Amino acid sequence: MGLSPEYHKYRDGPWQLWVLQEKWSAELWQSVLAVITEQSPSKHPQTAQLFWPPDQLAATLYLKIFHGDFGWRALKDIFRQSKAVRSMHQTVALSRFNFNVPLTVAAGEKREQRFLRKAFVLTLGVKAQSIPILLNEHRRADNNLTLLEKRHALRQLAIEIRRLHELGFVHGDLLPTNILVARAEGKENRFFFMDNDRTRRYPRWMTPALRRRNLVQLNRLPLPGITLQDRVRFLSHYLELKQWGKGERRLLTWLEHKTRQRRRECDAVDVSGSFRQLMRWDGQLT
């Protein structure tokens, strides 16, 4: 599946660029390039904010910068597009199926003798909050979501992730921090899928293990106001269950085991106690 015709591909020196022409300009490119040049090499992507145009009515842009790898990863990058460009393609693909994603303004990669040196993806900010921040702000304002609102939102999110998986998409890192929520009075919640550089689309028969990995990622973090019953309720909506059978209970047991494993490996916490205690929010945002 190709890009939308609004995207224009061109070269500027060592950079290959893909840009949304209606939002791109030579001046914006110079600002992006200046930020990229300031960054020291890093194994991990770096994210910077830009305000463009630079005046009081500026839009917020997010610039995610990737640095070239070494060794066998650098060799692999010769034969594939950068994470930045893959992110752009996947964001376009998701938007075509009416998923909420940040608008990609531009992506680019810099190569020397085909070796990837740097890459970037530039996206337009969205007026939304990550799931942990949203839940925490409601708690701090003594304005907790009502039980009905919370259960409705859980059902909405479960249906949206099920639709994502049914279409063959698997998110690369489906943590609650990578899902933003836009709420408006009298309107349905809108869930935005962020950080899509590792999102992929496969034939659906290839994805069962990857879908389960997404469920573990989503389940890993304790969240303000989210109970163990809420997590089970979410899974029930995701699976479209009328009643729980042996297969679904085995999945619950597997999810608990994997969640304990990931909390120990990623969060360095003691996982020997009850699962309810392990997943109880302790007042700290990850």
C-alpha atoms as a PDB file:
ATOM      1  CA  MET A   1       0.000   0.000   0.000  1.00  0.00           C
ATOM      2  CA  GLY A   2       1.545   3.302  -1.084  1.00  0.00           C
ATOM      3  CA  LEU A   3       1.512   6.704   0.491  1.00  0.00           C
ATOM      4  CA  SER A   4      -1.226   9.248  -0.031  1.00  0.00           C
ATOM      5  CA  PRO A   5      -0.651  11.437  -3.089  1.00  0.00           C
ATOM      6  CA  GLU A   6      -0.289  14.449  -0.766  1.00  0.00           C
ATOM      7  CA  TYR A   7       3.183  13.208   0.168  1.00  0.00           C
ATOM      8  CA  HIS A   8       6.001  14.412  -2.034  1.00  0.00           C
ATOM      9  CA  LYS A   9       9.331  12.596  -2.207  1.00  0.00           C
ATOM     10  CA  TYR A  10      12.502  14.511  -2.977  1.00  0.00           C
ATOM     11  CA  ARG A  11      16.208  14.677  -2.183  1.00  0.00           C
ATOM     12  CA  ASP A  12      18.124  17.432  -0.434  1.00  0.00           C
ATOM     13  CA  GLY A  13      21.826  16.624  -0.442  1.00  0.00           C
ATOM     14  CA  PRO A  14      22.314  13.358   1.518  1.00  0.00           C
ATOM     15  CA  TRP A  15      18.703  13.447   2.781  1.00  0.00           C
ATOM     16  CA  GLN A  16      15.795  11.617   1.176  1.00  0.00           C
ATOM     17  CA  LEU A  17      12.575  13.303   2.302  1.00  0.00           C
ATOM     18  CA  TRP A  18       8.867  12.459   2.221  1.00  0.00           C
ATOM     19  CA  VAL A  19       6.761  15.517   3.040  1.00  0.00           C
ATOM     20  CA  LEU A  20       3.157  16.582   3.304  1.00  0.00           C
ATOM     21  CA  GLN A  21       3.365  19.482   0.913  1.00  0.00           C
ATOM     22  CA  GLU A  22       0.580  21.602   2.387  1.00  0.00           C
ATOM     23  CA  LYS A  23       2.384  21.746   5.754  1.00  0.00           C
ATOM     24  CA  TRP A  24       6.006  21.741   4.581  1.00  0.00           C
ATOM     25  CA  SER A  25       8.363  24.563   3.731  1.00  0.00           C
ATOM     26  CA  ALA A  26      12.061  25.229   3.263  1.00  0.00           C
ATOM     27  CA  GLU A  27      12.050  27.235   6.503  1.00  0.00           C
ATOM     28  CA  LEU A  28      10.527  24.351   8.475  1.00  0.00           C
ATOM     29  CA  TRP A  29      13.104  21.976   7.009  1.00  0.00           C
ATOM     30  CA  GLN A  30      15.929  24.245   8.168  1.00  0.00           C
ATOM     31  CA  SER A  31      14.473  24.307  11.694  1.00  0.00           C
ATOM     32  CA  VAL A  32      14.137  20.510  11.713  1.00  0.00           C
ATOM     33  CA  LEU A  33      17.670  20.096  10.404  1.00  0.00           C
ATOM     34  CA  ALA A  34      19.039  22.434  13.085  1.00  0.00           C
ATOM     35  CA  VAL A  35      17.454  20.341  15.859  1.00  0.00           C
ATOM     36  CA  ILE A  36      18.736  17.090  14.321  1.00  0.00           C
ATOM     37  CA  THR A  37      22.263  18.511  14.069  1.00  0.00           C
ATOM     38  CA  GLU A  38      22.242  19.462  17.764  1.00  0.00           C
ATOM     39  CA  GLN A  39      21.543  15.897  18.912  1.00  0.00           C
ATOM     40  CA  SER A  40      24.402  13.683  20.050  1.00  0.00           C
ATOM     41  CA  PRO A  41      24.425  10.088  18.752  1.00  0.00           C
ATOM     42  CA  SER A  42      22.295   7.767  20.873  1.00  0.00           C
ATOM     43  CA  LYS A  43      21.177   4.148  20.855  1.00  0.00           C
ATOM     44  CA  HIS A  44      17.655   5.302  21.608  1.00  0.00           C
ATOM     45  CA  PRO A  45      15.370   7.616  19.617  1.00  0.00           C
ATOM     46  CA  GLN A  46      15.280  11.225  20.781  1.00  0.00           C
ATOM     47  CA  THR A  47      12.152  13.385  20.741  1.00  0.00           C
ATOM     48  CA  ALA A  48      12.023  17.173  20.548  1.00  0.00           C
ATOM     49  CA  GLN A  49       9.179  19.698  20.396  1.00  0.00           C
ATOM     50  CA  LEU A  50       8.945  22.338  17.703  1.00  0.00           C
ATOM     51  CA  PHE A  51       6.491  25.202  17.527  1.00  0.00           C
ATOM     52  CA  TRP A  52       5.742  26.177  13.951  1.00  0.00           C
ATOM     53  CA  PRO A  53       5.319  28.801  12.728  1.00  0.00           C
ATOM     54  CA  PRO A  54       7.321  30.374  15.570  1.00  0.00           C
ATOM     55  CA  ASP A  55       4.651  32.788  16.787  1.00  0.00           C
ATOM     56  CA  GLN A  56       1.832  32.825  19.319  1.00  0.00           C
ATOM     57  CA  LEU A  57      -0.430  30.770  17.026  1.00  0.00           C
ATOM     58  CA  ALA A  58       2.180  28.072  16.503  1.00  0.00           C
ATOM     59  CA  ALA A  59       1.198  24.438  16.140  1.00  0.00           C
ATOM     60  CA  THR A  60       3.054  21.882  18.246  1.00  0.00           C
ATOM     61  CA  LEU A  61       5.168  19.442  16.246  1.00  0.00           C
ATOM     62  CA  TYR A  62       7.036  16.431  17.575  1.00  0.00           C
ATOM     63  CA  LEU A  63      10.342  15.467  15.998  1.00  0.00           C
ATOM     64  CA  LYS A  64      11.530  11.915  16.634  1.00  0.00           C
ATOM     65  CA  ILE A  65      15.151  11.339  15.668  1.00  0.00           C
ATOM     66  CA  PHE A  66      16.741   7.949  15.032  1.00  0.00           C
ATOM     67  CA  HIS A  67      20.485   7.366  14.815  1.00  0.00           C
ATOM     68  CA  GLY A  68      22.183   4.722  12.696  1.00  0.00           C
ATOM     69  CA  ASP A  69      23.100   1.369  14.237  1.00  0.00           C
ATOM     70  CA  PHE A  70      26.345  -0.541  14.161  1.00  0.00           C
ATOM     71  CA  GLY A  71      27.323  -4.111  13.324  1.00  0.00           C
ATOM     72  CA  TRP A  72      24.747  -6.486  11.915  1.00  0.00           C
ATOM     73  CA  ARG A  73      21.904  -4.017  12.533  1.00  0.00           C
ATOM     74  CA  ALA A  74      23.653  -1.502  10.298  1.00  0.00           C
ATOM     75  CA  LEU A  75      23.924  -4.181   7.598  1.00  0.00           C
ATOM     76  CA  LYS A  76      20.209  -4.952   7.902  1.00  0.00           C
ATOM     77  CA  ASP A  77      19.400  -1.258   7.522  1.00  0.00           C
ATOM     78  CA  ILE A  78      21.020  -1.280   4.077  1.00  0.00           C
ATOM     79  CA  PHE A  79      18.178  -3.458   2.801  1.00  0.00           C
ATOM     80  CA  ARG A  80      15.225  -1.869   4.585  1.00  0.00           C
ATOM     81  CA  GLN A  81      13.660   1.502   5.178  1.00  0.00           C
ATOM     82  CA  SER A  82      14.447   3.355   8.379  1.00  0.00           C
ATOM     83  CA  LYS A  83      12.122   3.181  11.385  1.00  0.00           C
ATOM     84  CA  ALA A  84      11.123   6.774  10.656  1.00  0.00           C
ATOM     85  CA  VAL A  85       9.922   5.975   7.150  1.00  0.00           C
ATOM     86  CA  ARG A  86       8.255   2.766   8.286  1.00  0.00           C
ATOM     87  CA  SER A  87       6.454   4.795  10.952  1.00  0.00           C
ATOM     88  CA  MET A  88       5.162   7.160   8.272  1.00  0.00           C
ATOM     89  CA  HIS A  89       3.889   4.287   6.127  1.00  0.00           C
ATOM     90  CA  GLN A  90       2.166   2.574   9.049  1.00  0.00           C
ATOM     91  CA  THR A  91       0.563   5.805  10.232  1.00  0.00           C
ATOM     92  CA  VAL A  92      -0.870   6.373   6.755  1.00  0.00           C
ATOM     93  CA  ALA A  93      -2.108   2.758   6.643  1.00  0.00           C
ATOM     94  CA  LEU A  94      -3.794   3.075  10.049  1.00  0.00           C
ATOM     95  CA  SER A  95      -5.479   6.337   9.114  1.00  0.00           C
ATOM     96  CA  ARG A  96      -6.950   4.707   5.998  1.00  0.00           C
ATOM     97  CA  PHE A  97      -8.824   2.342   8.306  1.00  0.00           C
ATOM     98  CA  ASN A  98     -10.054   5.273  10.412  1.00  0.00           C
ATOM     99  CA  PHE A  99      -7.762   4.719  13.367  1.00  0.00           C
ATOM    100  CA  ASN A 100      -6.747   7.862  15.217  1.00  0.00           C
ATOM    101  CA  VAL A 101      -3.049   8.577  14.725  1.00  0.00           C
ATOM    102  CA  PRO A 102      -0.965  11.762  14.729  1.00  0.00           C
ATOM    103  CA  LEU A 103      -0.635  13.352  11.311  1.00  0.00           C
ATOM    104  CA  THR A 104       2.805  12.736   9.823  1.00  0.00           C
ATOM    105  CA  VAL A 105       4.120  16.002   8.388  1.00  0.00           C
ATOM    106  CA  ALA A 106       7.419  14.598   7.095  1.00  0.00           C
ATOM    107  CA  ALA A 107       9.926  11.798   7.353  1.00  0.00           C
ATOM    108  CA  GLY A 108      13.467  11.545   6.141  1.00  0.00           C
ATOM    109  CA  GLU A 109      16.599   9.469   6.165  1.00  0.00           C
ATOM    110  CA  LYS A 110      20.243  10.276   5.614  1.00  0.00           C
ATOM    111  CA  ARG A 111      22.469   7.585   4.136  1.00  0.00           C
ATOM    112  CA  GLU A 112      26.142   7.379   3.242  1.00  0.00           C
ATOM    113  CA  GLN A 113      27.034   4.621   0.783  1.00  0.00           C
ATOM    114  CA  ARG A 114      23.621   3.097   1.622  1.00  0.00           C
ATOM    115  CA  PHE A 115      24.427   2.958   5.359  1.00  0.00           C
ATOM    116  CA  LEU A 116      21.747   4.654   7.442  1.00  0.00           C
ATOM    117  CA  ARG A 117      23.207   7.501   9.511  1.00  0.00           C
ATOM    118  CA  LYS A 118      20.158   9.404  10.727  1.00  0.00           C
ATOM    119  CA  ALA A 119      16.411   9.445  10.222  1.00  0.00           C
ATOM    120  CA  PHE A 120      13.484  11.429  11.528  1.00  0.00           C
ATOM    121  CA  VAL A 121       9.722  11.543  11.572  1.00  0.00           C
ATOM    122  CA  LEU A 122       7.848  14.793  12.211  1.00  0.00           C
ATOM    123  CA  THR A 123       4.258  14.612  13.468  1.00  0.00           C
ATOM    124  CA  LEU A 124       1.589  17.112  14.391  1.00  0.00           C
ATOM    125  CA  GLY A 125       0.683  17.159  18.077  1.00  0.00           C
ATOM    126  CA  VAL A 126      -2.775  15.994  19.131  1.00  0.00           C
ATOM    127  CA  LYS A 127      -4.920  17.467  21.879  1.00  0.00           C
ATOM    128  CA  ALA A 128      -5.068  14.364  24.021  1.00  0.00           C
ATOM    129  CA  GLN A 129      -3.479  12.797  27.099  1.00  0.00           C
ATOM    130  CA  SER A 130      -1.904   9.425  27.686  1.00  0.00           C
ATOM    131  CA  ILE A 131      -4.043   6.951  29.621  1.00  0.00           C
ATOM    132  CA  PRO A 132      -1.946   7.146  32.851  1.00  0.00           C
ATOM    133  CA  ILE A 133      -1.864  10.967  32.857  1.00  0.00           C
ATOM    134  CA  LEU A 134      -5.585  11.261  32.158  1.00  0.00           C
ATOM    135  CA  LEU A 135      -6.483   8.853  34.957  1.00  0.00           C
ATOM    136  CA  ASN A 136      -4.092  10.532  37.382  1.00  0.00           C
ATOM    137  CA  GLU A 137      -5.407  14.027  36.641  1.00  0.00           C
ATOM    138  CA  HIS A 138      -8.970  12.912  37.332  1.00  0.00           C
ATOM    139  CA  ARG A 139      -7.823  11.388  40.623  1.00  0.00           C
ATOM    140  CA  ARG A 140      -5.893  14.518  41.705  1.00  0.00           C
ATOM    141  CA  ALA A 141      -8.772  16.817  40.811  1.00  0.00           C
ATOM    142  CA  ASP A 142     -11.095  14.703  42.939  1.00  0.00           C
ATOM    143  CA  ASN A 143     -13.054  14.204  39.753  1.00  0.00           C
ATOM    144  CA  ASN A 144     -12.782  10.479  39.254  1.00  0.00           C
ATOM    145  CA  LEU A 145     -14.492   8.956  36.270  1.00  0.00           C
ATOM    146  CA  THR A 146     -17.831   7.513  37.211  1.00  0.00           C
ATOM    147  CA  LEU A 147     -18.100   3.743  37.176  1.00  0.00           C
ATOM    148  CA  LEU A 148     -20.269   3.989  34.058  1.00  0.00           C
ATOM    149  CA  GLU A 149     -17.754   6.268  32.272  1.00  0.00           C
ATOM    150  CA  LYS A 150     -14.846   4.001  33.139  1.00  0.00           C
ATOM    151  CA  ARG A 151     -16.589   0.837  31.986  1.00  0.00           C
ATOM    152  CA  HIS A 152     -17.709   2.507  28.771  1.00  0.00           C
ATOM    153  CA  ALA A 153     -14.152   3.670  28.038  1.00  0.00           C
ATOM    154  CA  LEU A 154     -12.750   0.183  28.735  1.00  0.00           C
ATOM    155  CA  ARG A 155     -15.258  -1.314  26.307  1.00  0.00           C
ATOM    156  CA  GLN A 156     -14.438   1.319  23.657  1.00  0.00           C
ATOM    157  CA  LEU A 157     -10.706   0.689  23.947  1.00  0.00           C
ATOM    158  CA  ALA A 158     -11.143  -3.088  23.859  1.00  0.00           C
ATOM    159  CA  ILE A 159     -13.247  -2.854  20.697  1.00  0.00           C
ATOM    160  CA  GLU A 160     -10.718  -0.547  19.033  1.00  0.00           C
ATOM    161  CA  ILE A 161      -7.781  -2.834  19.813  1.00  0.00           C
ATOM    162  CA  ARG A 162      -9.764  -5.874  18.659  1.00  0.00           C
ATOM    163  CA  ARG A 163     -10.479  -4.060  15.374  1.00  0.00           C
ATOM    164  CA  LEU A 164      -6.774  -3.219  15.072  1.00  0.00           C
ATOM    165  CA  HIS A 165      -5.857  -6.884  15.464  1.00  0.00           C
ATOM    166  CA  GLU A 166      -8.649  -8.183  13.243  1.00  0.00           C
ATOM    167  CA  LEU A 167      -7.252  -6.053  10.402  1.00  0.00           C
ATOM    168  CA  GLY A 168      -3.818  -7.623  10.919  1.00  0.00           C
ATOM    169  CA  PHE A 169      -2.132  -4.665  12.635  1.00  0.00           C
ATOM    170  CA  VAL A 170       0.144  -5.306  15.606  1.00  0.00           C
ATOM    171  CA  HIS A 171       1.532  -2.369  17.542  1.00  0.00           C
ATOM    172  CA  GLY A 172       5.222  -2.483  18.389  1.00  0.00           C
ATOM    173  CA  ASP A 173       4.870  -1.225  21.954  1.00  0.00           C
ATOM    174  CA  LEU A 174       1.242  -1.054  23.095  1.00  0.00           C
ATOM    175  CA  LEU A 175       1.869   0.391  26.551  1.00  0.00           C
ATOM    176  CA  PRO A 176      -0.849   2.635  28.018  1.00  0.00           C
ATOM    177  CA  THR A 177       1.623   5.522  27.672  1.00  0.00           C
ATOM    178  CA  ASN A 178       1.476   5.050  23.886  1.00  0.00           C
ATOM    179  CA  ILE A 179      -2.303   5.459  23.741  1.00  0.00           C
ATOM    180  CA  LEU A 180      -3.615   9.008  24.013  1.00  0.00           C
ATOM    181  CA  VAL A 181      -7.220   9.773  24.891  1.00  0.00           C
ATOM    182  CA  ALA A 182      -9.154  12.808  23.668  1.00  0.00           C
ATOM    183  CA  ARG A 183     -12.292  13.477  25.702  1.00  0.00           C
ATOM    184  CA  ALA A 184     -14.958  16.068  24.959  1.00  0.00           C
ATOM    185  CA  GLU A 185     -18.219  16.840  26.713  1.00  0.00           C
ATOM    186  CA  GLY A 186     -21.046  14.782  25.224  1.00  0.00           C
ATOM    187  CA  LYS A 187     -18.797  12.993  22.729  1.00  0.00           C
ATOM    188  CA  GLU A 188     -17.234   9.561  22.498  1.00  0.00           C
ATOM    189  CA  ASN A 189     -13.639   9.065  23.610  1.00  0.00           C
ATOM    190  CA  ARG A 190     -11.062   9.065  20.827  1.00  0.00           C
ATOM    191  CA  PHE A 191      -8.023   6.808  21.254  1.00  0.00           C
ATOM    192  CA  PHE A 192      -4.814   7.737  19.413  1.00  0.00           C
ATOM    193  CA  PHE A 193      -2.138   5.109  18.683  1.00  0.00           C
ATOM    194  CA  MET A 194       1.301   6.694  19.045  1.00  0.00           C
ATOM    195  CA  ASP A 195       4.897   5.630  18.256  1.00  0.00           C
ATOM    196  CA  ASN A 196       4.134   3.467  15.247  1.00  0.00           C
ATOM    197  CA  ASP A 197       7.698   2.894  14.035  1.00  0.00           C
ATOM    198  CA  ARG A 198       7.417  -0.768  15.048  1.00  0.00           C
ATOM    199  CA  THR A 199       3.767  -1.244  14.104  1.00  0.00           C
ATOM    200  CA  ARG A 200       3.272  -3.796  11.330  1.00  0.00           C
ATOM    201  CA  ARG A 201       0.435  -5.295   9.342  1.00  0.00           C
ATOM    202  CA  TYR A 202       0.438  -9.056   8.700  1.00  0.00           C
ATOM    203  CA  PRO A 203      -1.981 -11.662   7.370  1.00  0.00           C
ATOM    204  CA  ARG A 204      -4.226 -12.253  10.367  1.00  0.00           C
ATOM    205  CA  TRP A 205      -3.334 -15.956  10.648  1.00  0.00           C
ATOM    206  CA  MET A 206       0.263 -14.938  11.428  1.00  0.00           C
ATOM    207  CA  THR A 207      -0.572 -12.717  14.406  1.00  0.00           C
ATOM    208  CA  PRO A 208      -1.896 -14.767  17.399  1.00  0.00           C
ATOM    209  CA  ALA A 209       1.383 -14.643  19.354  1.00  0.00           C
ATOM    210  CA  LEU A 210       1.908 -10.982  18.452  1.00  0.00           C
ATOM    211  CA  ARG A 211      -1.626 -10.077  19.530  1.00  0.00           C
ATOM    212  CA  ARG A 212      -1.043 -11.767  22.884  1.00  0.00           C
ATOM    213  CA  ARG A 213       2.195  -9.796  23.242  1.00  0.00           C
ATOM    214  CA  ASN A 214       0.203  -6.582  22.735  1.00  0.00           C
ATOM    215  CA  LEU A 215      -2.170  -7.659  25.516  1.00  0.00           C
ATOM    216  CA  VAL A 216       0.773  -8.200  27.873  1.00  0.00           C
ATOM    217  CA  GLN A 217       2.180  -4.779  26.997  1.00  0.00           C
ATOM    218  CA  LEU A 218      -1.173  -3.132  27.627  1.00  0.00           C
ATOM    219  CA  ASN A 219      -1.597  -4.980  30.921  1.00  0.00           C
ATOM    220  CA  ARG A 220       1.882  -4.339  32.318  1.00  0.00           C
ATOM    221  CA  LEU A 221       1.546  -0.972  34.056  1.00  0.00           C
ATOM    222  CA  PRO A 222      -0.480  -0.326  37.223  1.00  0.00           C
ATOM    223  CA  LEU A 223      -2.905   2.519  36.517  1.00  0.00           C
ATOM    224  CA  PRO A 224      -4.824   4.954  38.760  1.00  0.00           C
ATOM    225  CA  GLY A 225      -8.328   3.689  39.409  1.00  0.00           C
ATOM    226  CA  ILE A 226      -7.940   0.526  37.293  1.00  0.00           C
ATOM    227  CA  THR A 227      -8.673  -2.623  39.265  1.00  0.00           C
ATOM    228  CA  LEU A 228      -8.041  -6.262  38.515  1.00  0.00           C
ATOM    229  CA  GLN A 229     -11.751  -6.600  37.716  1.00  0.00           C
ATOM    230  CA  ASP A 230     -11.409  -3.787  35.178  1.00  0.00           C
ATOM    231  CA  ARG A 231      -8.604  -5.674  33.447  1.00  0.00           C
ATOM    232  CA  VAL A 232     -10.696  -8.838  33.277  1.00  0.00           C
ATOM    233  CA  ARG A 233     -13.654  -6.825  31.995  1.00  0.00           C
ATOM    234  CA  PHE A 234     -11.455  -5.293  29.272  1.00  0.00           C
ATOM    235  CA  LEU A 235     -10.291  -8.752  28.169  1.00  0.00           C
ATOM    236  CA  SER A 236     -13.871  -9.987  28.114  1.00  0.00           C
ATOM    237  CA  HIS A 237     -14.837  -7.173  25.723  1.00  0.00           C
ATOM    238  CA  TYR A 238     -11.735  -7.765  23.609  1.00  0.00           C
ATOM    239  CA  LEU A 239     -12.605 -11.460  23.242  1.00  0.00           C
ATOM    240  CA  GLU A 240     -16.352 -10.743  22.761  1.00  0.00           C
ATOM    241  CA  LEU A 241     -17.166 -13.225  25.493  1.00  0.00           C
ATOM    242  CA  LYS A 242     -20.619 -14.168  26.645  1.00  0.00           C
ATOM    243  CA  GLN A 243     -19.173 -16.498  29.268  1.00  0.00           C
ATOM    244  CA  TRP A 244     -15.725 -17.683  30.318  1.00  0.00           C
ATOM    245  CA  GLY A 245     -14.584 -21.123  29.191  1.00  0.00           C
ATOM    246  CA  LYS A 246     -11.471 -23.210  29.817  1.00  0.00           C
ATOM    247  CA  GLY A 247      -9.588 -21.645  26.902  1.00  0.00           C
ATOM    248  CA  GLU A 248     -10.224 -18.104  28.118  1.00  0.00           C
ATOM    249  CA  ARG A 249      -9.219 -19.005  31.674  1.00  0.00           C
ATOM    250  CA  ARG A 250      -5.969 -20.488  30.363  1.00  0.00           C
ATOM    251  CA  LEU A 251      -5.363 -17.192  28.557  1.00  0.00           C
ATOM    252  CA  LEU A 252      -5.933 -15.307  31.834  1.00  0.00           C
ATOM    253  CA  THR A 253      -3.402 -17.547  33.600  1.00  0.00           C
ATOM    254  CA  TRP A 254      -0.894 -17.045  30.773  1.00  0.00           C
ATOM    255  CA  LEU A 255      -1.391 -13.269  30.863  1.00  0.00           C
ATOM    256  CA  GLU A 256      -0.762 -13.171  34.596  1.00  0.00           C
ATOM    257  CA  HIS A 257       2.421 -15.231  34.201  1.00  0.00           C
ATOM    258  CA  LYS A 258       3.734 -13.042  31.372  1.00  0.00           C
ATOM    259  CA  THR A 259       2.774  -9.815  33.143  1.00  0.00           C
ATOM    260  CA  ARG A 260       4.690 -10.907  36.241  1.00  0.00           C
ATOM    261  CA  GLN A 261       7.671 -11.746  34.043  1.00  0.00           C
ATOM    262  CA  ARG A 262       7.633  -8.377  32.256  1.00  0.00           C
ATOM    263  CA  ARG A 263       7.194  -6.414  35.493  1.00  0.00           C
ATOM    264  CA  ARG A 264      10.241  -8.158  36.916  1.00  0.00           C
ATOM    265  CA  GLU A 265      12.332  -7.658  33.758  1.00  0.00           C
ATOM    266  CA  CYS A 266      11.239  -4.118  32.840  1.00  0.00           C
ATOM    267  CA  ASP A 267      10.284  -2.549  36.168  1.00  0.00           C
ATOM    268  CA  ALA A 268      12.599  -4.484  38.529  1.00  0.00           C
ATOM    269  CA  VAL A 269       9.824  -5.113  41.052  1.00  0.00           C
ATOM    270  CA  ASP A 270       9.230  -8.029  43.399  1.00  0.00           C
ATOM    271  CA  VAL A 271       6.580 -10.193  41.735  1.00  0.00           C
ATOM    272  CA  SER A 272       6.255 -12.838  44.439  1.00  0.00           C
ATOM    273  CA  GLY A 273       3.076 -11.488  46.077  1.00  0.00           C
ATOM    274  CA  SER A 274      -0.524 -11.613  44.958  1.00  0.00           C
ATOM    275  CA  PHE A 275      -1.296 -10.415  41.452  1.00  0.00           C
ATOM    276  CA  ARG A 276      -3.861  -7.976  42.829  1.00  0.00           C
ATOM    277  CA  GLN A 277      -1.177  -6.323  44.970  1.00  0.00           C
ATOM    278  CA  LEU A 278       1.354  -6.367  42.136  1.00  0.00           C
ATOM    279  CA  MET A 279      -1.003  -4.457  39.831  1.00  0.00           C
ATOM    280  CA  ARG A 280      -2.232  -1.974  42.452  1.00  0.00           C
ATOM    281  CA  TRP A 281      -1.223   1.571  41.571  1.00  0.00           C
ATOM    282  CA  ASP A 282       1.227   3.044  44.110  1.00  0.00           C
ATOM    283  CA  GLY A 283       0.781   6.728  43.261  1.00  0.00           C
ATOM    284  CA  GLN A 284       3.766   6.918  40.891  1.00  0.00           C
ATOM    285  CA  LEU A 285       3.514   7.476  37.159  1.00  0.00           C
ATOM    286  CA  THR A 286       5.852   5.403  35.010  1.00  0.00           C
END
